[in-house]
């Protein structure tokens, strides 16, 4: 039996990644370790992770982390990661970014 993937576990993830690609944003690292930028220590495993922002060098790091502990959440926020806990929430953010980009 095959190991489950994030696509199986996270509702809407495949559609979100398609929308990100269509918007011309960077592809995320999937099932990736998020680290504290000052110490290099692992904070959490993200479902999807844009370490350099949705657009390279524009905006901060973006993390889709479905199940996080309060300590992981606090550590990511302290490291200035923009954290989302559902594909739908991140999709709304992507759409807002697209709208802002289109109006400039």
N, C-alpha and C. Protein backbone atom coordinates (compact mmCIF):
# COMPACT_ATOMS: atom_id res chain seq x y z
N UNK A 1 0.84 -1.18 0.00
CA UNK A 1 0.00 0.00 0.00
C UNK A 1 0.89 1.24 0.00
N UNK A 2 0.55 2.22 -0.83
CA UNK A 2 1.36 3.43 -0.95
C UNK A 2 1.17 4.33 0.27
N UNK A 3 2.22 5.08 0.57
CA UNK A 3 2.15 6.04 1.65
C UNK A 3 1.20 7.18 1.24
N UNK A 4 0.37 7.67 2.17
CA UNK A 4 -0.48 8.80 1.83
C UNK A 4 0.37 10.04 1.61
N UNK A 5 -0.06 10.89 0.74
CA UNK A 5 0.65 12.13 0.47
C UNK A 5 -0.18 13.30 0.96
N UNK A 6 0.40 14.48 0.95
CA UNK A 6 -0.34 15.68 1.34
C UNK A 6 -1.57 15.87 0.47
N UNK A 7 -1.47 15.46 -0.79
CA UNK A 7 -2.61 15.61 -1.69
C UNK A 7 -3.79 14.81 -1.18
N UNK A 8 -3.52 13.66 -0.55
CA UNK A 8 -4.59 12.84 0.00
C UNK A 8 -5.11 13.41 1.32
N UNK A 9 -4.23 13.99 2.09
CA UNK A 9 -4.55 14.41 3.45
C UNK A 9 -5.14 15.82 3.56
N UNK A 10 -4.84 16.69 2.61
CA UNK A 10 -5.22 18.09 2.73
C UNK A 10 -6.26 18.44 1.67
N UNK A 11 -7.50 18.65 2.11
CA UNK A 11 -8.53 19.03 1.14
C UNK A 11 -8.18 20.31 0.41
N UNK A 12 -8.28 20.29 -0.90
CA UNK A 12 -8.05 21.48 -1.70
C UNK A 12 -6.61 21.77 -2.05
N UNK A 13 -5.67 20.94 -1.62
CA UNK A 13 -4.26 21.23 -1.86
C UNK A 13 -3.93 21.20 -3.35
N UNK A 14 -4.39 20.22 -4.08
CA UNK A 14 -4.08 20.13 -5.51
C UNK A 14 -4.61 21.35 -6.25
N UNK A 15 -5.83 21.77 -5.94
CA UNK A 15 -6.42 22.95 -6.58
C UNK A 15 -5.64 24.21 -6.21
N UNK A 16 -5.22 24.32 -4.96
CA UNK A 16 -4.43 25.46 -4.53
C UNK A 16 -3.12 25.54 -5.31
N UNK A 17 -2.42 24.43 -5.42
CA UNK A 17 -1.14 24.43 -6.13
C UNK A 17 -1.32 24.76 -7.60
N UNK A 18 -2.41 24.32 -8.18
CA UNK A 18 -2.72 24.68 -9.57
C UNK A 18 -2.93 26.19 -9.70
N UNK A 19 -3.65 26.77 -8.76
CA UNK A 19 -3.90 28.21 -8.78
C UNK A 19 -2.61 29.00 -8.59
N UNK A 20 -1.76 28.52 -7.70
CA UNK A 20 -0.46 29.17 -7.48
C UNK A 20 0.36 29.16 -8.76
N UNK A 21 0.37 28.03 -9.44
CA UNK A 21 1.11 27.91 -10.70
C UNK A 21 0.53 28.84 -11.76
N UNK A 22 -0.79 28.86 -11.89
CA UNK A 22 -1.44 29.72 -12.88
C UNK A 22 -1.17 31.20 -12.62
N UNK A 23 -1.00 31.56 -11.35
CA UNK A 23 -0.71 32.94 -10.98
C UNK A 23 0.74 33.33 -11.27
N UNK A 24 1.55 32.33 -11.62
CA UNK A 24 2.96 32.60 -11.91
C UNK A 24 3.82 32.69 -10.66
N UNK A 25 3.29 32.20 -9.55
CA UNK A 25 4.05 32.22 -8.30
C UNK A 25 4.98 31.00 -8.24
N UNK A 26 5.89 31.05 -7.31
CA UNK A 26 6.88 29.97 -7.16
C UNK A 26 6.21 28.68 -6.70
N UNK A 27 6.79 27.57 -7.08
CA UNK A 27 6.33 26.27 -6.60
C UNK A 27 6.84 26.07 -5.17
N UNK A 28 6.02 25.48 -4.32
CA UNK A 28 6.45 25.27 -2.93
C UNK A 28 7.27 24.01 -2.76
N UNK A 29 7.95 23.95 -1.64
CA UNK A 29 8.54 22.70 -1.17
C UNK A 29 7.41 21.98 -0.45
N UNK A 30 7.18 20.73 -0.79
CA UNK A 30 6.10 19.96 -0.16
C UNK A 30 6.64 19.08 0.94
N UNK A 31 5.86 18.94 2.00
CA UNK A 31 6.24 18.14 3.16
C UNK A 31 7.67 18.46 3.58
N UNK A 32 7.90 19.75 3.80
CA UNK A 32 9.24 20.26 4.03
C UNK A 32 9.40 20.77 5.46
N UNK A 33 10.62 20.68 5.93
CA UNK A 33 10.95 21.17 7.26
C UNK A 33 11.06 22.69 7.24
N UNK A 34 10.41 23.33 8.18
CA UNK A 34 10.51 24.77 8.37
C UNK A 34 11.50 24.99 9.50
N UNK A 35 12.48 25.86 9.25
CA UNK A 35 13.53 26.07 10.25
C UNK A 35 13.53 27.50 10.76
N UNK A 36 14.03 27.65 11.96
CA UNK A 36 14.23 28.97 12.53
C UNK A 36 15.40 29.61 11.78
N UNK A 37 15.18 30.75 11.11
CA UNK A 37 16.26 31.33 10.31
C UNK A 37 17.47 31.78 11.13
N UNK A 38 17.28 32.06 12.41
CA UNK A 38 18.43 32.52 13.20
C UNK A 38 19.23 31.37 13.79
N UNK A 39 18.58 30.23 14.05
CA UNK A 39 19.30 29.12 14.67
C UNK A 39 19.50 27.93 13.74
N UNK A 40 18.66 27.84 12.71
CA UNK A 40 18.72 26.69 11.81
C UNK A 40 18.03 25.45 12.37
N UNK A 41 17.42 25.58 13.54
CA UNK A 41 16.73 24.45 14.16
C UNK A 41 15.36 24.25 13.53
N UNK A 42 14.97 22.99 13.41
CA UNK A 42 13.66 22.66 12.85
C UNK A 42 12.55 23.15 13.77
N UNK A 43 11.53 23.75 13.16
CA UNK A 43 10.36 24.21 13.91
C UNK A 43 9.20 23.23 13.71
N UNK A 44 8.92 22.92 12.43
CA UNK A 44 7.76 22.09 12.11
C UNK A 44 7.95 21.52 10.71
N UNK A 45 7.06 20.60 10.35
CA UNK A 45 6.99 20.10 8.98
C UNK A 45 5.78 20.76 8.34
N UNK A 46 6.01 21.44 7.24
CA UNK A 46 4.95 22.13 6.53
C UNK A 46 4.41 21.26 5.41
N UNK A 47 3.12 21.37 5.17
CA UNK A 47 2.51 20.70 4.03
C UNK A 47 3.06 21.31 2.74
N UNK A 48 3.11 22.64 2.71
CA UNK A 48 3.69 23.38 1.58
C UNK A 48 4.44 24.57 2.16
N UNK A 49 5.60 24.88 1.58
CA UNK A 49 6.48 25.89 2.15
C UNK A 49 7.14 26.68 1.03
N UNK A 50 6.97 27.99 1.09
CA UNK A 50 7.62 28.90 0.14
C UNK A 50 8.67 29.67 0.95
N UNK A 51 9.88 29.17 1.04
CA UNK A 51 10.89 29.81 1.90
C UNK A 51 11.27 31.21 1.45
N UNK A 52 11.09 31.52 0.16
CA UNK A 52 11.45 32.84 -0.36
C UNK A 52 10.22 33.64 -0.76
N UNK A 53 9.06 33.26 -0.24
CA UNK A 53 7.81 33.95 -0.58
C UNK A 53 7.17 33.35 -1.81
N UNK A 54 5.92 33.76 -2.05
CA UNK A 54 5.21 33.25 -3.22
C UNK A 54 5.89 33.67 -4.52
N UNK A 55 6.53 34.83 -4.48
CA UNK A 55 7.36 35.28 -5.58
C UNK A 55 8.76 35.44 -5.01
N UNK A 56 9.73 34.92 -5.74
CA UNK A 56 11.11 34.99 -5.24
C UNK A 56 11.46 36.41 -4.80
N UNK A 57 11.90 36.51 -3.58
CA UNK A 57 12.39 37.76 -2.99
C UNK A 57 11.33 38.86 -2.88
N UNK A 58 10.04 38.52 -3.05
CA UNK A 58 8.96 39.48 -2.85
C UNK A 58 8.08 38.96 -1.74
N UNK A 59 8.05 39.65 -0.64
CA UNK A 59 7.26 39.19 0.49
C UNK A 59 8.04 38.19 1.32
N UNK A 60 7.43 37.82 2.41
CA UNK A 60 8.08 36.90 3.33
C UNK A 60 7.75 35.45 3.04
N UNK A 61 8.35 34.60 3.82
CA UNK A 61 8.14 33.16 3.69
C UNK A 61 6.70 32.82 4.02
N UNK A 62 6.15 31.86 3.27
CA UNK A 62 4.77 31.43 3.45
C UNK A 62 4.76 29.94 3.77
N UNK A 63 3.94 29.57 4.77
CA UNK A 63 3.87 28.19 5.23
C UNK A 63 2.42 27.74 5.28
N UNK A 64 2.14 26.59 4.70
CA UNK A 64 0.87 25.91 4.90
C UNK A 64 1.15 24.76 5.85
N UNK A 65 0.71 24.93 7.09
CA UNK A 65 0.95 23.93 8.14
C UNK A 65 -0.39 23.58 8.76
N UNK A 66 -0.90 22.43 8.41
CA UNK A 66 -2.24 22.05 8.82
C UNK A 66 -2.32 21.76 10.32
N UNK A 67 -1.45 20.95 10.82
CA UNK A 67 -1.47 20.58 12.24
C UNK A 67 -0.21 21.09 12.91
N UNK A 68 -0.35 22.15 13.69
CA UNK A 68 0.79 22.66 14.43
C UNK A 68 0.43 22.76 15.90
N UNK A 69 1.44 22.65 16.72
CA UNK A 69 1.25 22.85 18.15
C UNK A 69 1.32 24.36 18.43
N UNK A 70 0.83 24.79 19.57
CA UNK A 70 0.97 26.21 19.92
C UNK A 70 2.43 26.67 19.91
N UNK A 71 3.35 25.81 20.35
CA UNK A 71 4.77 26.17 20.36
C UNK A 71 5.31 26.33 18.94
N UNK A 72 4.92 25.44 18.03
CA UNK A 72 5.35 25.55 16.63
C UNK A 72 4.79 26.83 16.00
N UNK A 73 3.51 27.08 16.27
CA UNK A 73 2.87 28.29 15.74
C UNK A 73 3.61 29.54 16.22
N UNK A 74 3.88 29.60 17.51
CA UNK A 74 4.58 30.76 18.09
C UNK A 74 5.97 30.91 17.49
N UNK A 75 6.68 29.81 17.31
CA UNK A 75 8.03 29.88 16.75
C UNK A 75 8.01 30.36 15.30
N UNK A 76 7.04 29.91 14.52
CA UNK A 76 6.97 30.36 13.13
C UNK A 76 6.60 31.84 13.06
N UNK A 77 5.65 32.26 13.89
CA UNK A 77 5.28 33.67 13.91
C UNK A 77 6.45 34.54 14.37
N UNK A 78 7.20 34.08 15.36
CA UNK A 78 8.36 34.83 15.85
C UNK A 78 9.44 34.96 14.78
N UNK A 79 9.44 34.00 13.85
CA UNK A 79 10.43 34.02 12.76
C UNK A 79 9.88 34.72 11.52
N UNK A 80 8.75 35.39 11.66
CA UNK A 80 8.11 36.16 10.59
C UNK A 80 7.61 35.33 9.42
N UNK A 81 7.26 34.08 9.67
CA UNK A 81 6.61 33.28 8.64
C UNK A 81 5.13 33.66 8.59
N UNK A 82 4.57 33.73 7.39
CA UNK A 82 3.12 33.91 7.23
C UNK A 82 2.54 32.49 7.20
N UNK A 83 1.79 32.13 8.23
CA UNK A 83 1.34 30.76 8.42
C UNK A 83 -0.15 30.64 8.12
N UNK A 84 -0.50 29.60 7.36
CA UNK A 84 -1.89 29.29 7.05
C UNK A 84 -2.16 27.86 7.49
N UNK A 85 -3.41 27.61 7.91
CA UNK A 85 -3.75 26.29 8.44
C UNK A 85 -4.72 25.53 7.56
N UNK A 86 -5.09 26.11 6.42
CA UNK A 86 -5.94 25.39 5.47
C UNK A 86 -5.62 25.87 4.06
N UNK A 87 -5.86 24.99 3.10
CA UNK A 87 -5.65 25.35 1.70
C UNK A 87 -6.58 26.50 1.31
N UNK A 88 -7.79 26.51 1.84
CA UNK A 88 -8.74 27.58 1.51
C UNK A 88 -8.25 28.94 1.99
N UNK A 89 -7.71 29.00 3.19
CA UNK A 89 -7.19 30.27 3.71
C UNK A 89 -6.03 30.76 2.86
N UNK A 90 -5.14 29.86 2.49
CA UNK A 90 -4.01 30.25 1.66
C UNK A 90 -4.48 30.64 0.26
N UNK A 91 -5.51 29.96 -0.26
CA UNK A 91 -6.05 30.31 -1.57
C UNK A 91 -6.58 31.76 -1.56
N UNK A 92 -7.26 32.16 -0.49
CA UNK A 92 -7.75 33.55 -0.40
C UNK A 92 -6.58 34.52 -0.41
N UNK A 93 -5.50 34.19 0.28
CA UNK A 93 -4.30 35.03 0.29
C UNK A 93 -3.70 35.13 -1.11
N UNK A 94 -3.62 34.00 -1.81
CA UNK A 94 -3.08 33.99 -3.18
C UNK A 94 -3.93 34.87 -4.08
N UNK A 95 -5.24 34.77 -3.95
CA UNK A 95 -6.13 35.60 -4.78
C UNK A 95 -5.95 37.08 -4.46
N UNK A 96 -5.78 37.42 -3.20
CA UNK A 96 -5.51 38.81 -2.84
C UNK A 96 -4.20 39.29 -3.42
N UNK A 97 -3.18 38.44 -3.37
CA UNK A 97 -1.88 38.80 -3.96
C UNK A 97 -2.01 39.01 -5.46
N UNK A 98 -2.77 38.16 -6.13
CA UNK A 98 -2.98 38.31 -7.57
C UNK A 98 -3.68 39.63 -7.87
N UNK A 99 -4.70 39.96 -7.09
CA UNK A 99 -5.45 41.19 -7.31
C UNK A 99 -4.56 42.41 -7.08
N UNK A 100 -3.75 42.37 -6.03
CA UNK A 100 -2.82 43.48 -5.77
C UNK A 100 -1.82 43.60 -6.92
N UNK A 101 -1.32 42.48 -7.38
CA UNK A 101 -0.33 42.49 -8.46
C UNK A 101 -0.94 43.02 -9.76
N UNK A 102 -2.19 42.68 -10.02
CA UNK A 102 -2.86 43.11 -11.24
C UNK A 102 -3.14 44.60 -11.23
N UNK A 103 -3.33 45.18 -10.04
CA UNK A 103 -3.67 46.59 -9.96
C UNK A 103 -2.46 47.51 -9.96
N UNK A 104 -1.25 46.92 -9.91
CA UNK A 104 -0.04 47.77 -9.91
C UNK A 104 0.55 47.90 -11.28
